[in-house]
């Protein structure tokens, strides 16, 4: 799985980063205090190695919008879009595939039941992940669909 792009909003000194495309080599360049480290910190917290490293609205909400903090609990802080390659798509299908029920015993002279065709797997698949100040990381297939901010 490869990170394709991500976006950070309402995190420390970042109001809205816009979508940041990621490639094999990606560099964030800017002056000191521009938000480079905060950008990566927000991305890290989507799936932190230490579960205690969650977003904290009282520490991470932008100070220049402190008044908006009261309505920020359900707002998305970081949204990332990943791309799966063909082998990962097959592996995901194999993991999620259901075992078909055992068909009833054939009746003498009756035609055999049809065998369902194998599913056609997509050649490309995107997976979105996002996290809010108050929730766990959420996942959905595709870009942005399902990633809605709580009202």
N, C-alpha and C. Protein backbone atom coordinates (compact mmCIF):
# COMPACT_ATOMS: atom_id res chain seq x y z
N UNK A 1 0.85 -1.16 0.00
CA UNK A 1 0.00 0.00 0.00
C UNK A 1 0.91 1.23 0.00
N UNK A 2 0.54 2.18 -0.84
CA UNK A 2 1.36 3.37 -1.01
C UNK A 2 0.52 4.61 -0.72
N UNK A 3 1.06 5.49 0.11
CA UNK A 3 0.40 6.77 0.37
C UNK A 3 0.43 7.59 -0.91
N UNK A 4 -0.75 8.03 -1.37
CA UNK A 4 -0.86 8.80 -2.60
C UNK A 4 -0.94 10.30 -2.32
N UNK A 5 -1.76 10.67 -1.31
CA UNK A 5 -1.92 12.08 -0.97
C UNK A 5 -2.55 12.19 0.41
N UNK A 6 -2.40 13.35 1.01
CA UNK A 6 -3.01 13.59 2.31
C UNK A 6 -3.29 15.07 2.48
N UNK A 7 -4.12 15.36 3.47
CA UNK A 7 -4.55 16.72 3.74
C UNK A 7 -4.66 16.90 5.25
N UNK A 8 -4.20 18.04 5.76
CA UNK A 8 -4.26 18.34 7.19
C UNK A 8 -5.08 19.62 7.37
N UNK A 9 -5.99 19.59 8.34
CA UNK A 9 -6.80 20.78 8.63
C UNK A 9 -6.91 20.99 10.14
N UNK A 10 -6.92 22.24 10.52
CA UNK A 10 -7.12 22.65 11.92
C UNK A 10 -6.22 21.91 12.90
N UNK A 11 -4.92 21.93 12.61
CA UNK A 11 -3.94 21.28 13.46
C UNK A 11 -2.78 22.24 13.69
N UNK A 12 -2.64 22.69 14.91
CA UNK A 12 -1.57 23.61 15.31
C UNK A 12 -1.56 24.84 14.40
N UNK A 13 -0.49 25.07 13.64
CA UNK A 13 -0.46 26.27 12.81
C UNK A 13 -0.97 26.01 11.39
N UNK A 14 -1.60 24.87 11.17
CA UNK A 14 -2.11 24.53 9.83
C UNK A 14 -3.63 24.64 9.83
N UNK A 15 -4.15 25.57 9.06
CA UNK A 15 -5.61 25.70 8.92
C UNK A 15 -6.11 24.72 7.86
N UNK A 16 -5.48 24.71 6.69
CA UNK A 16 -5.85 23.79 5.62
C UNK A 16 -4.65 23.67 4.69
N UNK A 17 -4.03 22.50 4.69
CA UNK A 17 -2.83 22.30 3.86
C UNK A 17 -3.17 22.14 2.39
N UNK A 18 -4.44 21.83 2.10
CA UNK A 18 -4.78 21.40 0.75
C UNK A 18 -4.21 20.00 0.56
N UNK A 19 -4.54 19.37 -0.54
CA UNK A 19 -4.04 18.01 -0.79
C UNK A 19 -2.56 18.06 -1.10
N UNK A 20 -1.79 17.23 -0.43
CA UNK A 20 -0.35 17.13 -0.67
C UNK A 20 -0.11 15.79 -1.35
N UNK A 21 0.34 15.84 -2.60
CA UNK A 21 0.64 14.62 -3.35
C UNK A 21 1.97 14.04 -2.86
N UNK A 22 2.02 12.72 -2.79
CA UNK A 22 3.22 12.03 -2.33
C UNK A 22 3.71 11.13 -3.45
N UNK A 23 5.02 11.12 -3.66
CA UNK A 23 5.62 10.23 -4.66
C UNK A 23 6.77 9.50 -4.00
N UNK A 24 7.60 8.84 -4.80
CA UNK A 24 8.73 8.11 -4.22
C UNK A 24 9.66 9.03 -3.45
N UNK A 25 9.80 10.26 -3.93
CA UNK A 25 10.58 11.27 -3.22
C UNK A 25 9.68 12.49 -3.05
N UNK A 26 9.41 12.83 -1.81
CA UNK A 26 8.57 13.98 -1.52
C UNK A 26 9.30 14.84 -0.50
N UNK A 27 9.40 16.13 -0.77
CA UNK A 27 10.08 17.04 0.15
C UNK A 27 9.13 18.17 0.52
N UNK A 28 9.09 18.49 1.79
CA UNK A 28 8.38 19.69 2.25
C UNK A 28 9.45 20.73 2.54
N UNK A 29 9.35 21.85 1.87
CA UNK A 29 10.36 22.90 1.99
C UNK A 29 9.66 24.17 2.45
N UNK A 30 10.25 24.85 3.41
CA UNK A 30 9.69 26.11 3.87
C UNK A 30 10.52 26.67 5.00
N UNK A 31 10.23 27.90 5.36
CA UNK A 31 10.99 28.54 6.45
C UNK A 31 10.65 27.90 7.80
N UNK A 32 11.45 28.22 8.79
CA UNK A 32 11.17 27.74 10.15
C UNK A 32 9.77 28.20 10.56
N UNK A 33 9.10 27.35 11.35
CA UNK A 33 7.76 27.62 11.87
C UNK A 33 6.68 27.67 10.78
N UNK A 34 6.96 27.12 9.59
CA UNK A 34 5.97 27.12 8.52
C UNK A 34 4.96 25.98 8.67
N UNK A 35 5.28 24.95 9.45
CA UNK A 35 4.35 23.85 9.66
C UNK A 35 4.80 22.53 9.08
N UNK A 36 6.04 22.42 8.65
CA UNK A 36 6.52 21.16 8.06
C UNK A 36 6.43 20.01 9.05
N UNK A 37 6.96 20.19 10.25
CA UNK A 37 6.91 19.11 11.26
C UNK A 37 5.48 18.83 11.70
N UNK A 38 4.67 19.87 11.83
CA UNK A 38 3.27 19.68 12.22
C UNK A 38 2.51 18.89 11.15
N UNK A 39 2.85 19.10 9.90
CA UNK A 39 2.21 18.34 8.82
C UNK A 39 2.47 16.85 8.99
N UNK A 40 3.71 16.49 9.26
CA UNK A 40 4.04 15.08 9.43
C UNK A 40 3.51 14.52 10.75
N UNK A 41 3.47 15.34 11.77
CA UNK A 41 2.91 14.90 13.06
C UNK A 41 1.43 14.55 12.91
N UNK A 42 0.70 15.38 12.19
CA UNK A 42 -0.73 15.12 11.96
C UNK A 42 -0.90 13.82 11.14
N UNK A 43 -0.07 13.62 10.14
CA UNK A 43 -0.14 12.40 9.33
C UNK A 43 0.19 11.17 10.17
N UNK A 44 1.21 11.26 10.99
CA UNK A 44 1.60 10.15 11.86
C UNK A 44 0.45 9.71 12.76
N UNK A 45 -0.31 10.66 13.25
CA UNK A 45 -1.36 10.34 14.22
C UNK A 45 -2.58 9.65 13.61
N UNK A 46 -2.61 9.49 12.30
CA UNK A 46 -3.69 8.69 11.71
C UNK A 46 -3.54 7.24 12.16
N UNK A 47 -2.30 6.76 12.22
CA UNK A 47 -2.03 5.38 12.65
C UNK A 47 -0.75 5.36 13.48
N UNK A 48 -0.82 5.91 14.69
CA UNK A 48 0.41 6.04 15.49
C UNK A 48 0.92 4.71 16.02
N UNK A 49 2.23 4.60 16.16
CA UNK A 49 2.83 3.40 16.76
C UNK A 49 2.43 3.31 18.22
N UNK A 50 2.29 4.43 18.88
CA UNK A 50 1.85 4.48 20.27
C UNK A 50 0.39 4.96 20.30
N UNK A 51 -0.56 4.12 20.72
CA UNK A 51 -1.97 4.52 20.72
C UNK A 51 -2.26 5.78 21.54
N UNK A 52 -1.37 6.14 22.46
CA UNK A 52 -1.56 7.35 23.26
C UNK A 52 -1.34 8.62 22.43
N UNK A 53 -0.76 8.48 21.25
CA UNK A 53 -0.45 9.64 20.40
C UNK A 53 -1.66 10.05 19.56
N UNK A 54 -2.76 10.31 20.21
CA UNK A 54 -3.97 10.76 19.52
C UNK A 54 -3.97 12.29 19.45
N UNK A 55 -4.86 12.84 18.64
CA UNK A 55 -5.00 14.29 18.60
C UNK A 55 -5.58 14.76 19.92
N UNK A 56 -5.14 15.92 20.37
CA UNK A 56 -5.65 16.52 21.60
C UNK A 56 -6.11 17.93 21.25
N UNK A 57 -7.41 18.12 21.21
CA UNK A 57 -7.96 19.41 20.78
C UNK A 57 -7.49 20.56 21.65
N UNK A 58 -7.21 20.30 22.94
CA UNK A 58 -6.77 21.36 23.83
C UNK A 58 -5.31 21.76 23.59
N UNK A 59 -4.54 20.91 22.94
CA UNK A 59 -3.15 21.23 22.63
C UNK A 59 -2.92 21.49 21.14
N UNK A 60 -3.73 20.86 20.29
CA UNK A 60 -3.44 20.88 18.85
C UNK A 60 -4.32 21.81 18.03
N UNK A 61 -5.41 22.31 18.59
CA UNK A 61 -6.28 23.21 17.82
C UNK A 61 -5.51 24.50 17.53
N UNK A 62 -5.66 25.09 16.33
CA UNK A 62 -4.92 26.32 16.00
C UNK A 62 -5.25 27.47 16.96
N UNK A 63 -4.22 28.09 17.51
CA UNK A 63 -4.42 29.17 18.47
C UNK A 63 -5.08 30.40 17.85
N UNK A 64 -4.90 30.60 16.54
CA UNK A 64 -5.52 31.76 15.91
C UNK A 64 -7.01 31.57 15.66
N UNK A 65 -7.54 30.39 16.02
CA UNK A 65 -8.99 30.13 15.93
C UNK A 65 -9.47 29.45 17.21
N UNK A 66 -8.96 29.90 18.32
CA UNK A 66 -9.29 29.26 19.60
C UNK A 66 -10.79 29.25 19.84
N UNK A 67 -11.50 30.27 19.38
CA UNK A 67 -12.95 30.33 19.55
C UNK A 67 -13.67 29.23 18.79
N UNK A 68 -13.09 28.74 17.70
CA UNK A 68 -13.71 27.67 16.92
C UNK A 68 -13.49 26.29 17.50
N UNK A 69 -12.68 26.20 18.54
CA UNK A 69 -12.36 24.91 19.15
C UNK A 69 -13.61 24.19 19.66
N UNK A 70 -14.59 24.94 20.16
CA UNK A 70 -15.78 24.32 20.74
C UNK A 70 -16.58 23.52 19.70
N UNK A 71 -16.46 23.85 18.43
CA UNK A 71 -17.18 23.10 17.39
C UNK A 71 -16.24 22.18 16.61
N UNK A 72 -15.01 22.01 17.09
CA UNK A 72 -14.02 21.25 16.33
C UNK A 72 -13.91 19.78 16.66
N UNK A 73 -14.64 19.30 17.67
CA UNK A 73 -14.45 17.92 18.13
C UNK A 73 -14.59 16.88 17.01
N UNK A 74 -15.57 17.01 16.15
CA UNK A 74 -15.79 16.02 15.11
C UNK A 74 -15.14 16.34 13.77
N UNK A 75 -14.36 17.39 13.72
CA UNK A 75 -13.74 17.79 12.46
C UNK A 75 -12.55 16.89 12.11
N UNK A 76 -12.41 16.62 10.85
CA UNK A 76 -11.30 15.80 10.37
C UNK A 76 -10.01 16.60 10.50
N UNK A 77 -9.00 15.98 11.11
CA UNK A 77 -7.70 16.61 11.26
C UNK A 77 -6.79 16.20 10.10
N UNK A 78 -6.75 14.91 9.80
CA UNK A 78 -5.92 14.44 8.69
C UNK A 78 -6.69 13.40 7.91
N UNK A 79 -6.61 13.51 6.60
CA UNK A 79 -7.25 12.58 5.69
C UNK A 79 -6.18 12.13 4.70
N UNK A 80 -6.01 10.82 4.58
CA UNK A 80 -4.99 10.27 3.69
C UNK A 80 -5.63 9.30 2.71
N UNK A 81 -5.11 9.27 1.49
CA UNK A 81 -5.58 8.34 0.47
C UNK A 81 -4.42 7.45 0.07
N UNK A 82 -4.65 6.14 0.18
CA UNK A 82 -3.64 5.13 -0.14
C UNK A 82 -4.06 4.40 -1.40
N UNK A 83 -3.08 3.91 -2.15
CA UNK A 83 -3.35 3.09 -3.34
C UNK A 83 -2.81 1.69 -3.09
N UNK A 84 -3.62 0.70 -3.43
CA UNK A 84 -3.22 -0.70 -3.31
C UNK A 84 -2.80 -1.21 -4.67
N UNK A 85 -1.75 -2.03 -4.71
CA UNK A 85 -1.32 -2.61 -5.98
C UNK A 85 -2.11 -3.91 -6.23
N UNK A 86 -1.88 -4.53 -7.37
CA UNK A 86 -2.65 -5.71 -7.78
C UNK A 86 -2.53 -6.86 -6.77
N UNK A 87 -1.34 -7.12 -6.27
CA UNK A 87 -1.17 -8.20 -5.29
C UNK A 87 -1.92 -7.91 -3.99
N UNK A 88 -1.92 -6.66 -3.58
CA UNK A 88 -2.64 -6.29 -2.35
C UNK A 88 -4.14 -6.41 -2.54
N UNK A 89 -4.62 -6.09 -3.74
CA UNK A 89 -6.06 -6.23 -4.03
C UNK A 89 -6.46 -7.69 -3.96
N UNK A 90 -5.65 -8.58 -4.55
CA UNK A 90 -5.93 -10.02 -4.49
C UNK A 90 -5.89 -10.49 -3.03
N UNK A 91 -4.89 -10.07 -2.28
CA UNK A 91 -4.80 -10.46 -0.88
C UNK A 91 -5.99 -9.99 -0.06
N UNK A 92 -6.45 -8.78 -0.32
CA UNK A 92 -7.62 -8.25 0.38
C UNK A 92 -8.86 -9.07 0.02
N UNK A 93 -9.00 -9.40 -1.26
CA UNK A 93 -10.13 -10.23 -1.69
C UNK A 93 -10.07 -11.61 -1.01
N UNK A 94 -8.91 -12.22 -1.01
CA UNK A 94 -8.78 -13.55 -0.40
C UNK A 94 -9.10 -13.50 1.09
N UNK A 95 -8.69 -12.44 1.76
CA UNK A 95 -8.94 -12.31 3.19
C UNK A 95 -10.44 -12.13 3.47
N UNK A 96 -11.12 -11.36 2.61
CA UNK A 96 -12.52 -11.02 2.86
C UNK A 96 -13.51 -11.98 2.21
N UNK A 97 -13.04 -12.85 1.37
CA UNK A 97 -13.94 -13.73 0.62
C UNK A 97 -14.68 -14.67 1.56
N UNK A 98 -15.96 -14.85 1.29
CA UNK A 98 -16.79 -15.75 2.07
C UNK A 98 -16.77 -17.14 1.45
N UNK A 99 -16.84 -18.14 2.27
CA UNK A 99 -16.94 -19.51 1.78
C UNK A 99 -18.40 -19.73 1.38
N UNK A 100 -18.63 -20.15 0.14
CA UNK A 100 -20.02 -20.35 -0.27
C UNK A 100 -20.66 -21.50 0.52
N UNK A 101 -21.96 -21.42 0.72
CA UNK A 101 -22.63 -22.51 1.45
C UNK A 101 -22.57 -23.82 0.66
N UNK A 102 -22.62 -24.91 1.35
CA UNK A 102 -22.62 -26.23 0.70
C UNK A 102 -23.95 -26.41 -0.02
N UNK A 103 -23.88 -26.71 -1.31
CA UNK A 103 -25.14 -26.87 -2.05
C UNK A 103 -25.84 -28.16 -1.61
N UNK A 104 -27.16 -28.18 -1.77
CA UNK A 104 -27.88 -29.41 -1.41
C UNK A 104 -27.46 -30.57 -2.34
N UNK A 105 -27.69 -31.75 -1.89
CA UNK A 105 -27.36 -32.93 -2.70
C UNK A 105 -28.14 -32.88 -4.01
N UNK A 106 -27.47 -33.24 -5.12
CA UNK A 106 -28.17 -33.18 -6.41
C UNK A 106 -29.32 -34.19 -6.46
N UNK A 107 -30.35 -33.78 -7.15
CA UNK A 107 -31.51 -34.64 -7.35
C UNK A 107 -31.28 -35.39 -8.66
N UNK A 108 -31.55 -36.69 -8.63
CA UNK A 108 -31.37 -37.54 -9.81
C UNK A 108 -32.11 -36.94 -11.00
N UNK A 109 -31.36 -36.70 -12.09
CA UNK A 109 -31.95 -36.21 -13.33
C UNK A 109 -32.10 -34.69 -13.40
N UNK A 110 -31.90 -33.99 -12.28
CA UNK A 110 -32.03 -32.53 -12.30
C UNK A 110 -30.72 -31.91 -12.78
N UNK A 111 -30.82 -30.76 -13.46
CA UNK A 111 -29.57 -30.11 -13.91
C UNK A 111 -28.77 -29.61 -12.71
N UNK A 112 -27.47 -29.58 -12.89
CA UNK A 112 -26.59 -29.08 -11.84
C UNK A 112 -26.84 -27.58 -11.65
N UNK A 113 -26.75 -27.11 -10.41
CA UNK A 113 -26.93 -25.67 -10.20
C UNK A 113 -25.78 -24.91 -10.87
N UNK A 114 -26.07 -23.69 -11.35
CA UNK A 114 -25.01 -22.92 -12.02
C UNK A 114 -23.91 -22.55 -11.04
N UNK A 115 -22.70 -22.51 -11.53
CA UNK A 115 -21.56 -22.10 -10.72
C UNK A 115 -21.38 -20.60 -10.94
N UNK A 116 -21.40 -19.82 -9.85
CA UNK A 116 -21.25 -18.37 -10.04
C UNK A 116 -19.87 -18.05 -10.60
N UNK A 117 -19.80 -17.04 -11.47
CA UNK A 117 -18.50 -16.68 -12.03
C UNK A 117 -17.60 -16.05 -10.96
N UNK A 118 -16.31 -16.18 -11.16
CA UNK A 118 -15.36 -15.55 -10.25
C UNK A 118 -15.50 -14.03 -10.39
N UNK A 119 -15.38 -13.30 -9.31
CA UNK A 119 -15.53 -11.85 -9.42
C UNK A 119 -14.38 -11.22 -10.20
N UNK A 120 -14.68 -10.13 -10.85
CA UNK A 120 -13.66 -9.37 -11.54
C UNK A 120 -13.09 -8.37 -10.54
N UNK A 121 -11.83 -8.50 -10.26
CA UNK A 121 -11.20 -7.61 -9.30
C UNK A 121 -10.72 -6.35 -10.00
N UNK A 122 -10.77 -5.21 -9.32
CA UNK A 122 -10.29 -3.98 -9.94
C UNK A 122 -8.77 -4.01 -10.11
N UNK A 123 -8.30 -3.28 -11.09
CA UNK A 123 -6.85 -3.20 -11.32
C UNK A 123 -6.21 -2.21 -10.35
N UNK A 124 -6.99 -1.26 -9.87
CA UNK A 124 -6.50 -0.26 -8.93
C UNK A 124 -7.57 -0.06 -7.86
N UNK A 125 -7.12 0.24 -6.66
CA UNK A 125 -8.05 0.46 -5.56
C UNK A 125 -7.46 1.49 -4.62
N UNK A 126 -8.29 2.42 -4.22
CA UNK A 126 -7.87 3.43 -3.25
C UNK A 126 -8.57 3.18 -1.93
N UNK A 127 -7.88 3.51 -0.86
CA UNK A 127 -8.41 3.37 0.48
C UNK A 127 -8.19 4.69 1.21
N UNK A 128 -9.26 5.27 1.74
CA UNK A 128 -9.15 6.51 2.50
C UNK A 128 -9.08 6.20 3.98
N UNK A 129 -8.29 6.98 4.68
CA UNK A 129 -8.21 6.91 6.14
C UNK A 129 -8.28 8.33 6.66
N UNK A 130 -9.04 8.55 7.73
CA UNK A 130 -9.12 9.87 8.32
C UNK A 130 -9.37 9.74 9.80
N UNK A 131 -9.02 10.80 10.50
CA UNK A 131 -9.19 10.80 11.95
C UNK A 131 -9.61 12.19 12.40
N UNK A 132 -10.49 12.22 13.37
CA UNK A 132 -10.96 13.48 13.95
C UNK A 132 -10.32 13.67 15.32
N UNK A 133 -10.60 14.80 15.94
CA UNK A 133 -10.08 15.04 17.28
C UNK A 133 -10.63 14.06 18.30
N UNK A 134 -11.83 13.56 18.08
CA UNK A 134 -12.46 12.72 19.12
C UNK A 134 -12.62 11.26 18.75
N UNK A 135 -12.29 10.87 17.55
CA UNK A 135 -12.57 9.49 17.16
C UNK A 135 -11.34 8.71 16.76
N UNK A 136 -11.58 7.43 16.59
CA UNK A 136 -10.54 6.55 16.09
C UNK A 136 -10.41 6.75 14.58
N UNK A 137 -9.36 6.22 14.01
CA UNK A 137 -9.17 6.30 12.57
C UNK A 137 -10.28 5.54 11.87
N UNK A 138 -10.83 6.14 10.84
CA UNK A 138 -11.89 5.54 10.04
C UNK A 138 -11.32 5.20 8.66
N UNK A 139 -11.87 4.16 8.05
CA UNK A 139 -11.42 3.73 6.73
C UNK A 139 -12.62 3.56 5.81
N UNK A 140 -12.43 3.83 4.53
CA UNK A 140 -13.46 3.60 3.52
C UNK A 140 -12.78 3.42 2.18
N UNK A 141 -13.39 2.63 1.30
CA UNK A 141 -12.82 2.51 -0.04
C UNK A 141 -12.98 3.82 -0.80
N UNK A 142 -12.03 4.10 -1.64
CA UNK A 142 -12.12 5.28 -2.50
C UNK A 142 -11.60 6.53 -1.84
N UNK A 143 -11.72 7.63 -2.57
CA UNK A 143 -11.25 8.92 -2.07
C UNK A 143 -12.40 9.71 -1.50
N UNK A 144 -12.28 10.12 -0.27
CA UNK A 144 -13.18 11.04 0.40
C UNK A 144 -14.59 10.51 0.66
N UNK A 145 -15.09 9.61 -0.13
CA UNK A 145 -16.44 9.13 0.13
C UNK A 145 -16.50 8.52 1.50
N UNK A 146 -17.46 8.93 2.29
CA UNK A 146 -17.59 8.43 3.64
C UNK A 146 -16.83 9.24 4.65
N UNK A 147 -15.92 10.06 4.20
CA UNK A 147 -15.14 10.89 5.14
C UNK A 147 -15.87 12.21 5.32
N UNK A 148 -16.84 12.21 6.18
CA UNK A 148 -17.61 13.42 6.43
C UNK A 148 -17.33 13.89 7.84
N UNK A 149 -17.32 15.19 7.98
CA UNK A 149 -17.14 15.75 9.31
C UNK A 149 -18.46 15.66 10.06
N UNK A 150 -18.39 15.39 11.34
CA UNK A 150 -19.60 15.36 12.17
C UNK A 150 -20.16 16.78 12.24
N UNK A 151 -21.46 16.85 12.28
CA UNK A 151 -22.11 18.18 12.34
C UNK A 151 -21.93 18.81 13.71
